[in-house]
Amino acid sequence: MAVVAASALVAVSGCAKGDDIPMIIEDPWVRTTEGATDPSMTALFFSAVNPGEKPNTLTKADCSSVAGKTEIHEMVKGDDGKMVMQEDKDGLEIAPGTHEHLKPGGHHVMLMMLKKPLAIGDEVTCTLTFSTGDPITVTAPVKKFTEEEDHYHPSPAANG
């Protein structure tokens, strides 16, 4: 298992299955629960770079040290035309030679049923599982997010 510490650019080396090239995780961070409308949930954001020659899909995230439930979420247009959050059960595919930004208002890793409040400066450790290669453990700092719209509300699927 590769271990990644929070930094501006983190290259993951070694620990790949076969000829798979490991993913590169950049700028991981978690939104603080300080001042949140619902402090029982938050999200992990980062950029995932696929330097390989075949697609690689983020299939699972585990942040069980701080969250009772962790899911990969996406934002989609609801029946009323408004953007809503839902679990992306297929995961997030990253095409070869490209990157995906997991960010507020887009794909993100949802941390639900938090075991404790997350203050600015805390760190959260999560394990990311991709379709190729070994799991990658990231340590993400908890940061303030000041431009928040109310994207961190439960969706019907998130309550199960």
N, C-alpha and C. Protein backbone atom coordinates (compact mmCIF):
# COMPACT_ATOMS: atom_id res chain seq x y z
N MET A 1 0.84 -1.16 0.00
CA MET A 1 0.00 0.00 0.00
C MET A 1 0.89 1.24 0.00
N ALA A 2 0.61 2.17 -0.88
CA ALA A 2 1.35 3.42 -0.93
C ALA A 2 0.75 4.39 0.08
N VAL A 3 1.58 5.20 0.71
CA VAL A 3 1.11 6.18 1.67
C VAL A 3 1.45 7.56 1.16
N VAL A 4 0.46 8.46 1.20
CA VAL A 4 0.62 9.80 0.67
C VAL A 4 0.38 10.80 1.78
N ALA A 5 1.30 11.73 1.96
CA ALA A 5 1.10 12.80 2.93
C ALA A 5 0.56 14.02 2.19
N ALA A 6 -0.12 14.88 2.91
CA ALA A 6 -0.69 16.08 2.30
C ALA A 6 0.45 17.00 1.87
N SER A 7 0.35 17.46 0.63
CA SER A 7 1.30 18.44 0.11
C SER A 7 0.76 18.97 -1.20
N ALA A 8 1.45 19.94 -1.77
CA ALA A 8 1.00 20.52 -3.02
C ALA A 8 1.03 19.50 -4.15
N LEU A 9 2.02 18.64 -4.19
CA LEU A 9 2.12 17.61 -5.22
C LEU A 9 2.69 16.36 -4.57
N VAL A 10 1.97 15.28 -4.71
CA VAL A 10 2.40 14.03 -4.10
C VAL A 10 2.48 12.97 -5.18
N ALA A 11 3.65 12.45 -5.40
CA ALA A 11 3.82 11.36 -6.37
C ALA A 11 3.79 10.06 -5.60
N VAL A 12 3.04 9.12 -6.10
CA VAL A 12 2.96 7.81 -5.46
C VAL A 12 3.88 6.89 -6.23
N SER A 13 4.74 6.18 -5.52
CA SER A 13 5.68 5.33 -6.21
C SER A 13 5.56 3.90 -5.74
N GLY A 14 6.02 2.98 -6.57
CA GLY A 14 6.06 1.57 -6.21
C GLY A 14 4.69 0.99 -5.97
N CYS A 15 4.65 -0.22 -5.46
CA CYS A 15 3.44 -0.87 -4.97
C CYS A 15 2.34 -1.00 -6.01
N ALA A 16 2.66 -1.14 -7.27
CA ALA A 16 1.62 -1.32 -8.28
C ALA A 16 1.57 -2.77 -8.70
N LYS A 17 0.37 -3.23 -9.07
CA LYS A 17 0.20 -4.60 -9.54
C LYS A 17 0.62 -4.69 -11.00
N GLY A 18 1.42 -5.66 -11.33
CA GLY A 18 1.81 -5.86 -12.72
C GLY A 18 2.49 -4.65 -13.30
N ASP A 19 2.06 -4.27 -14.52
CA ASP A 19 2.65 -3.12 -15.20
C ASP A 19 1.86 -1.84 -14.95
N ASP A 20 0.89 -1.86 -14.04
CA ASP A 20 0.08 -0.68 -13.78
C ASP A 20 0.95 0.43 -13.19
N ILE A 21 0.70 1.64 -13.66
CA ILE A 21 1.41 2.80 -13.12
C ILE A 21 0.52 3.40 -12.05
N PRO A 22 1.04 3.64 -10.84
CA PRO A 22 0.20 4.15 -9.76
C PRO A 22 -0.32 5.56 -10.04
N MET A 23 -1.43 5.85 -9.43
CA MET A 23 -2.04 7.17 -9.52
C MET A 23 -1.19 8.18 -8.75
N ILE A 24 -1.36 9.44 -9.08
CA ILE A 24 -0.74 10.55 -8.36
C ILE A 24 -1.88 11.34 -7.72
N ILE A 25 -1.79 11.56 -6.42
CA ILE A 25 -2.81 12.32 -5.69
C ILE A 25 -2.20 13.66 -5.32
N GLU A 26 -2.90 14.74 -5.69
CA GLU A 26 -2.41 16.09 -5.42
C GLU A 26 -3.40 16.83 -4.52
N ASP A 27 -2.86 17.65 -3.65
CA ASP A 27 -3.61 18.61 -2.83
C ASP A 27 -4.83 18.04 -2.11
N PRO A 28 -4.70 16.96 -1.35
CA PRO A 28 -5.86 16.47 -0.61
C PRO A 28 -6.20 17.41 0.55
N TRP A 29 -7.50 17.61 0.78
CA TRP A 29 -7.96 18.39 1.93
C TRP A 29 -9.39 18.00 2.28
N VAL A 30 -9.74 18.25 3.54
CA VAL A 30 -11.07 17.95 4.06
C VAL A 30 -11.66 19.25 4.60
N ARG A 31 -12.96 19.46 4.35
CA ARG A 31 -13.65 20.65 4.83
C ARG A 31 -13.92 20.52 6.33
N THR A 32 -13.64 21.57 7.07
CA THR A 32 -13.89 21.59 8.51
C THR A 32 -15.39 21.46 8.81
N THR A 33 -15.71 20.95 9.98
CA THR A 33 -17.12 20.93 10.41
C THR A 33 -17.44 22.17 11.25
N GLU A 34 -16.44 22.99 11.55
CA GLU A 34 -16.66 24.21 12.32
C GLU A 34 -17.61 25.12 11.55
N GLY A 35 -18.73 25.46 12.17
CA GLY A 35 -19.70 26.36 11.54
C GLY A 35 -20.60 25.69 10.52
N ALA A 36 -20.47 24.40 10.32
CA ALA A 36 -21.30 23.70 9.33
C ALA A 36 -22.73 23.56 9.84
N THR A 37 -23.68 23.63 8.91
CA THR A 37 -25.08 23.42 9.24
C THR A 37 -25.30 22.02 9.78
N ASP A 38 -24.63 21.03 9.17
CA ASP A 38 -24.72 19.64 9.63
C ASP A 38 -23.31 19.13 9.89
N PRO A 39 -22.84 19.18 11.14
CA PRO A 39 -21.47 18.76 11.45
C PRO A 39 -21.28 17.24 11.49
N SER A 40 -22.30 16.48 11.10
CA SER A 40 -22.15 15.02 11.07
C SER A 40 -21.57 14.53 9.76
N MET A 41 -21.32 15.46 8.81
CA MET A 41 -20.75 15.06 7.53
C MET A 41 -19.84 16.15 6.98
N THR A 42 -18.93 15.72 6.12
CA THR A 42 -18.04 16.64 5.43
C THR A 42 -17.55 15.94 4.18
N ALA A 43 -16.51 16.47 3.52
CA ALA A 43 -16.03 15.86 2.29
C ALA A 43 -14.52 15.99 2.16
N LEU A 44 -13.96 15.02 1.43
CA LEU A 44 -12.54 14.99 1.06
C LEU A 44 -12.44 15.39 -0.40
N PHE A 45 -11.51 16.28 -0.70
CA PHE A 45 -11.27 16.76 -2.06
C PHE A 45 -9.80 16.54 -2.42
N PHE A 46 -9.51 16.34 -3.69
CA PHE A 46 -8.14 16.18 -4.17
C PHE A 46 -8.16 16.12 -5.69
N SER A 47 -6.98 16.11 -6.29
CA SER A 47 -6.84 15.86 -7.72
C SER A 47 -6.19 14.50 -7.88
N ALA A 48 -6.71 13.70 -8.82
CA ALA A 48 -6.17 12.38 -9.11
C ALA A 48 -5.63 12.40 -10.54
N VAL A 49 -4.35 12.10 -10.67
CA VAL A 49 -3.68 12.10 -11.97
C VAL A 49 -3.41 10.65 -12.37
N ASN A 50 -3.80 10.32 -13.59
CA ASN A 50 -3.55 8.98 -14.13
C ASN A 50 -2.44 9.05 -15.16
N PRO A 51 -1.19 8.75 -14.78
CA PRO A 51 -0.09 8.81 -15.73
C PRO A 51 0.02 7.54 -16.59
N GLY A 52 -0.87 6.58 -16.35
CA GLY A 52 -0.81 5.29 -17.04
C GLY A 52 -1.37 5.34 -18.45
N GLU A 53 -1.39 4.15 -19.06
CA GLU A 53 -1.87 4.03 -20.44
C GLU A 53 -3.25 3.39 -20.53
N LYS A 54 -3.88 3.13 -19.37
CA LYS A 54 -5.24 2.61 -19.39
C LYS A 54 -6.07 3.34 -18.34
N PRO A 55 -7.39 3.34 -18.52
CA PRO A 55 -8.25 4.02 -17.55
C PRO A 55 -8.07 3.45 -16.15
N ASN A 56 -8.29 4.27 -15.16
CA ASN A 56 -8.21 3.86 -13.77
C ASN A 56 -9.39 4.49 -13.05
N THR A 57 -10.13 3.70 -12.31
CA THR A 57 -11.36 4.18 -11.66
C THR A 57 -11.21 4.19 -10.15
N LEU A 58 -11.54 5.33 -9.54
CA LEU A 58 -11.64 5.40 -8.09
C LEU A 58 -12.91 4.65 -7.72
N THR A 59 -12.76 3.49 -7.08
CA THR A 59 -13.90 2.62 -6.80
C THR A 59 -14.37 2.68 -5.36
N LYS A 60 -13.50 3.12 -4.45
CA LYS A 60 -13.85 3.11 -3.03
C LYS A 60 -12.95 4.06 -2.27
N ALA A 61 -13.48 4.61 -1.21
CA ALA A 61 -12.69 5.41 -0.27
C ALA A 61 -13.08 4.98 1.13
N ASP A 62 -12.10 4.89 2.01
CA ASP A 62 -12.35 4.47 3.39
C ASP A 62 -11.69 5.48 4.32
N CYS A 63 -12.52 6.21 5.05
CA CYS A 63 -12.04 7.18 6.04
C CYS A 63 -12.60 6.79 7.40
N SER A 64 -12.57 5.49 7.69
CA SER A 64 -13.24 4.95 8.88
C SER A 64 -12.65 5.44 10.21
N SER A 65 -11.46 6.04 10.17
CA SER A 65 -10.91 6.56 11.42
C SER A 65 -11.74 7.74 11.94
N VAL A 66 -12.44 8.45 11.03
CA VAL A 66 -13.26 9.60 11.44
C VAL A 66 -14.71 9.50 11.01
N ALA A 67 -15.04 8.61 10.08
CA ALA A 67 -16.40 8.55 9.53
C ALA A 67 -16.97 7.13 9.61
N GLY A 68 -18.23 7.04 9.97
CA GLY A 68 -18.90 5.76 10.01
C GLY A 68 -19.26 5.25 8.63
N LYS A 69 -19.33 6.16 7.66
CA LYS A 69 -19.69 5.79 6.28
C LYS A 69 -18.95 6.73 5.33
N THR A 70 -18.39 6.17 4.27
CA THR A 70 -17.67 6.95 3.27
C THR A 70 -18.14 6.53 1.89
N GLU A 71 -18.48 7.49 1.03
CA GLU A 71 -18.95 7.19 -0.32
C GLU A 71 -18.34 8.17 -1.33
N ILE A 72 -18.22 7.71 -2.56
CA ILE A 72 -17.84 8.59 -3.66
C ILE A 72 -19.14 9.22 -4.16
N HIS A 73 -19.17 10.56 -4.20
CA HIS A 73 -20.39 11.26 -4.60
C HIS A 73 -20.15 12.09 -5.86
N GLU A 74 -21.25 12.32 -6.56
CA GLU A 74 -21.26 13.18 -7.74
C GLU A 74 -22.42 14.15 -7.62
N MET A 75 -22.38 15.21 -8.37
CA MET A 75 -23.47 16.17 -8.43
C MET A 75 -24.18 15.95 -9.76
N VAL A 76 -25.51 15.83 -9.71
CA VAL A 76 -26.32 15.63 -10.91
C VAL A 76 -27.51 16.56 -10.86
N LYS A 77 -28.11 16.80 -12.02
CA LYS A 77 -29.29 17.64 -12.09
C LYS A 77 -30.50 16.81 -11.68
N GLY A 78 -31.25 17.30 -10.69
CA GLY A 78 -32.44 16.61 -10.21
C GLY A 78 -33.63 16.87 -11.12
N ASP A 79 -34.75 16.24 -10.79
CA ASP A 79 -35.98 16.40 -11.58
C ASP A 79 -36.44 17.84 -11.64
N ASP A 80 -36.14 18.61 -10.59
CA ASP A 80 -36.55 20.02 -10.55
C ASP A 80 -35.53 20.95 -11.20
N GLY A 81 -34.48 20.37 -11.79
CA GLY A 81 -33.46 21.17 -12.48
C GLY A 81 -32.35 21.65 -11.58
N LYS A 82 -32.47 21.43 -10.27
CA LYS A 82 -31.43 21.85 -9.34
C LYS A 82 -30.39 20.75 -9.20
N MET A 83 -29.16 21.15 -8.89
CA MET A 83 -28.08 20.19 -8.69
C MET A 83 -28.26 19.51 -7.33
N VAL A 84 -28.15 18.19 -7.33
CA VAL A 84 -28.24 17.41 -6.10
C VAL A 84 -27.07 16.44 -6.02
N MET A 85 -26.76 16.04 -4.80
CA MET A 85 -25.66 15.12 -4.57
C MET A 85 -26.21 13.70 -4.51
N GLN A 86 -25.44 12.75 -5.09
CA GLN A 86 -25.81 11.34 -4.98
C GLN A 86 -24.55 10.50 -5.03
N GLU A 87 -24.67 9.27 -4.52
CA GLU A 87 -23.54 8.35 -4.57
C GLU A 87 -23.27 7.97 -6.03
N ASP A 88 -22.00 7.94 -6.40
CA ASP A 88 -21.59 7.48 -7.73
C ASP A 88 -21.17 6.02 -7.56
N LYS A 89 -22.12 5.12 -7.72
CA LYS A 89 -21.87 3.70 -7.45
C LYS A 89 -20.88 3.09 -8.43
N ASP A 90 -20.68 3.69 -9.59
CA ASP A 90 -19.72 3.19 -10.57
C ASP A 90 -18.32 3.70 -10.31
N GLY A 91 -18.17 4.67 -9.42
CA GLY A 91 -16.88 5.26 -9.16
C GLY A 91 -16.54 6.32 -10.19
N LEU A 92 -15.39 6.92 -10.05
CA LEU A 92 -14.95 7.99 -10.94
C LEU A 92 -13.81 7.49 -11.80
N GLU A 93 -14.04 7.40 -13.11
CA GLU A 93 -13.01 6.95 -14.03
C GLU A 93 -12.10 8.11 -14.42
N ILE A 94 -10.80 7.86 -14.38
CA ILE A 94 -9.81 8.84 -14.82
C ILE A 94 -9.16 8.26 -16.07
N ALA A 95 -9.34 8.94 -17.19
CA ALA A 95 -8.81 8.47 -18.47
C ALA A 95 -7.28 8.48 -18.45
N PRO A 96 -6.65 7.65 -19.28
CA PRO A 96 -5.18 7.61 -19.33
C PRO A 96 -4.60 8.98 -19.69
N GLY A 97 -3.55 9.35 -18.98
CA GLY A 97 -2.85 10.60 -19.27
C GLY A 97 -3.62 11.85 -18.89
N THR A 98 -4.68 11.72 -18.06
CA THR A 98 -5.47 12.89 -17.67
C THR A 98 -5.57 12.95 -16.15
N HIS A 99 -6.37 13.91 -15.68
CA HIS A 99 -6.60 14.06 -14.24
C HIS A 99 -8.06 14.45 -14.01
N GLU A 100 -8.51 14.22 -12.80
CA GLU A 100 -9.85 14.64 -12.36
C GLU A 100 -9.69 15.39 -11.05
N HIS A 101 -10.42 16.51 -10.95
CA HIS A 101 -10.44 17.28 -9.71
C HIS A 101 -11.68 16.88 -8.92
N LEU A 102 -11.49 16.36 -7.74
CA LEU A 102 -12.60 16.13 -6.83
C LEU A 102 -12.72 17.41 -6.02
N LYS A 103 -13.84 18.12 -6.19
CA LYS A 103 -13.95 19.48 -5.65
C LYS A 103 -15.38 19.77 -5.20
N PRO A 104 -15.55 20.81 -4.40
CA PRO A 104 -16.90 21.21 -4.01
C PRO A 104 -17.75 21.48 -5.25
N GLY A 105 -18.96 20.95 -5.26
CA GLY A 105 -19.85 21.13 -6.40
C GLY A 105 -19.64 20.11 -7.50
N GLY A 106 -18.69 19.19 -7.32
CA GLY A 106 -18.42 18.15 -8.31
C GLY A 106 -18.23 16.82 -7.59
N HIS A 107 -17.51 15.92 -8.22
CA HIS A 107 -17.19 14.66 -7.54
C HIS A 107 -16.42 14.97 -6.26
N HIS A 108 -16.67 14.18 -5.22
CA HIS A 108 -15.97 14.31 -3.95
C HIS A 108 -16.17 13.01 -3.17
N VAL A 109 -15.39 12.86 -2.13
CA VAL A 109 -15.55 11.72 -1.23
C VAL A 109 -16.32 12.23 -0.02
N MET A 110 -17.51 11.69 0.18
CA MET A 110 -18.38 12.12 1.28
C MET A 110 -18.07 11.33 2.54
N LEU A 111 -17.82 12.04 3.63
CA LEU A 111 -17.58 11.44 4.94
C LEU A 111 -18.82 11.69 5.78
N MET A 112 -19.54 10.62 6.12
CA MET A 112 -20.81 10.73 6.85
C MET A 112 -20.71 10.04 8.20
N MET A 113 -21.64 10.37 9.07
CA MET A 113 -21.67 9.81 10.42
C MET A 113 -20.31 10.02 11.10
N LEU A 114 -19.85 11.29 11.08
CA LEU A 114 -18.56 11.61 11.66
C LEU A 114 -18.52 11.23 13.14
N LYS A 115 -17.37 10.73 13.57
CA LYS A 115 -17.19 10.29 14.95
C LYS A 115 -16.81 11.43 15.88
N LYS A 116 -16.37 12.56 15.29
CA LYS A 116 -15.98 13.72 16.08
C LYS A 116 -15.97 14.94 15.17
N PRO A 117 -16.04 16.14 15.74
CA PRO A 117 -15.91 17.36 14.92
C PRO A 117 -14.50 17.44 14.32
N LEU A 118 -14.40 18.05 13.16
CA LEU A 118 -13.10 18.21 12.50
C LEU A 118 -12.74 19.69 12.48
N ALA A 119 -11.72 20.04 13.24
CA ALA A 119 -11.28 21.42 13.36
C ALA A 119 -10.20 21.73 12.33
N ILE A 120 -10.11 23.00 11.97
CA ILE A 120 -9.05 23.45 11.07
C ILE A 120 -7.71 23.05 11.69
N GLY A 121 -6.85 22.44 10.88
CA GLY A 121 -5.54 21.99 11.35
C GLY A 121 -5.50 20.51 11.69
N ASP A 122 -6.66 19.89 11.92
CA ASP A 122 -6.68 18.44 12.11
C ASP A 122 -6.24 17.77 10.81
N GLU A 123 -5.95 16.49 10.88
CA GLU A 123 -5.64 15.70 9.69
C GLU A 123 -6.54 14.49 9.64
N VAL A 124 -6.92 14.11 8.43
CA VAL A 124 -7.78 12.95 8.20
C VAL A 124 -7.03 11.99 7.29
N THR A 125 -7.00 10.71 7.68
CA THR A 125 -6.36 9.69 6.86
C THR A 125 -7.43 8.85 6.19
N CYS A 126 -7.31 8.71 4.87
CA CYS A 126 -8.26 7.92 4.08
C CYS A 126 -7.49 7.01 3.14
N THR A 127 -8.08 5.87 2.85
CA THR A 127 -7.50 4.95 1.87
C THR A 127 -8.36 4.98 0.62
N LEU A 128 -7.72 5.25 -0.51
CA LEU A 128 -8.39 5.32 -1.81
C LEU A 128 -8.09 4.04 -2.59
N THR A 129 -9.13 3.41 -3.11
CA THR A 129 -8.96 2.19 -3.89
C THR A 129 -9.29 2.48 -5.34
N PHE A 130 -8.35 2.14 -6.21
CA PHE A 130 -8.52 2.32 -7.66
C PHE A 130 -8.63 0.96 -8.32
N SER A 131 -9.15 0.93 -9.54
CA SER A 131 -9.36 -0.33 -10.24
C SER A 131 -8.06 -1.02 -10.62
N THR A 132 -6.99 -0.28 -10.75
CA THR A 132 -5.67 -0.86 -11.02
C THR A 132 -4.72 -0.39 -9.93
N GLY A 133 -3.79 -1.22 -9.57
CA GLY A 133 -2.80 -0.84 -8.56
C GLY A 133 -3.30 -1.06 -7.15
N ASP A 134 -2.42 -0.85 -6.20
CA ASP A 134 -2.72 -1.03 -4.79
C ASP A 134 -3.44 0.20 -4.24
N PRO A 135 -4.13 0.03 -3.10
CA PRO A 135 -4.76 1.19 -2.45
C PRO A 135 -3.71 2.24 -2.08
N ILE A 136 -4.16 3.49 -2.03
CA ILE A 136 -3.30 4.62 -1.69
C ILE A 136 -3.87 5.26 -0.44
N THR A 137 -3.04 5.44 0.58
CA THR A 137 -3.47 6.12 1.79
C THR A 137 -3.03 7.57 1.72
N VAL A 138 -3.99 8.48 1.94
CA VAL A 138 -3.69 9.91 1.93
C VAL A 138 -3.98 10.48 3.31
N THR A 139 -3.18 11.45 3.70
CA THR A 139 -3.42 12.21 4.91
C THR A 139 -3.71 13.63 4.47
N ALA A 140 -4.93 14.08 4.77
CA ALA A 140 -5.40 15.38 4.27
C ALA A 140 -5.62 16.35 5.43
N PRO A 141 -5.13 17.58 5.29
CA PRO A 141 -5.39 18.57 6.34
C PRO A 141 -6.85 19.03 6.28
N VAL A 142 -7.38 19.39 7.43
CA VAL A 142 -8.72 19.95 7.51
C VAL A 142 -8.59 21.45 7.33
N LYS A 143 -9.37 21.99 6.39
CA LYS A 143 -9.30 23.41 6.04
C LYS A 143 -10.68 24.04 6.06
N LYS A 144 -10.69 25.36 6.15
CA LYS A 144 -11.93 26.13 6.06
C LYS A 144 -12.29 26.29 4.60
N PHE A 145 -13.56 26.20 4.30
CA PHE A 145 -14.04 26.45 2.93
C PHE A 145 -15.06 27.57 3.02
N THR A 146 -14.70 28.74 2.55
CA THR A 146 -15.52 29.93 2.76
C THR A 146 -16.54 30.19 1.66
N GLU A 147 -16.43 29.53 0.51
CA GLU A 147 -17.34 29.80 -0.59
C GLU A 147 -18.45 28.75 -0.68
N GLU A 148 -18.73 28.10 0.44
CA GLU A 148 -19.66 26.98 0.43
C GLU A 148 -21.09 27.38 0.09
N GLU A 149 -21.66 26.58 -0.79
CA GLU A 149 -23.10 26.58 -0.97
C GLU A 149 -23.55 25.32 -0.26
N ASP A 150 -24.80 25.15 -0.06
CA ASP A 150 -25.27 24.03 0.77
C ASP A 150 -25.24 22.72 -0.01
N HIS A 151 -24.02 22.22 -0.33
CA HIS A 151 -23.86 20.95 -1.04
C HIS A 151 -23.74 19.77 -0.10
N TYR A 152 -23.64 20.02 1.19
CA TYR A 152 -23.37 18.95 2.13
C TYR A 152 -24.62 18.58 2.92
N HIS A 153 -25.69 18.36 2.21
CA HIS A 153 -26.93 17.96 2.85
C HIS A 153 -27.21 16.51 2.48
N PRO A 154 -27.93 15.79 3.31
CA PRO A 154 -28.19 14.38 3.00
C PRO A 154 -29.06 14.25 1.76
N SER A 155 -28.71 13.32 0.92
CA SER A 155 -29.58 12.94 -0.19
C SER A 155 -30.32 11.68 0.26
N PRO A 156 -31.40 11.31 -0.40
CA PRO A 156 -32.12 10.11 0.04
C PRO A 156 -31.22 8.88 0.12
N ALA A 157 -30.27 8.73 -0.80
CA ALA A 157 -29.38 7.57 -0.82
C ALA A 157 -28.36 7.62 0.31
N ALA A 158 -28.04 8.81 0.81
CA ALA A 158 -27.00 8.95 1.83
C ALA A 158 -27.49 8.57 3.21
N ASN A 159 -28.77 8.40 3.37
CA ASN A 159 -29.31 8.10 4.69
C ASN A 159 -29.33 6.62 5.00
N GLY A 160 -28.97 5.76 4.03
CA GLY A 160 -29.09 4.33 4.25
C GLY A 160 -27.99 3.69 4.94
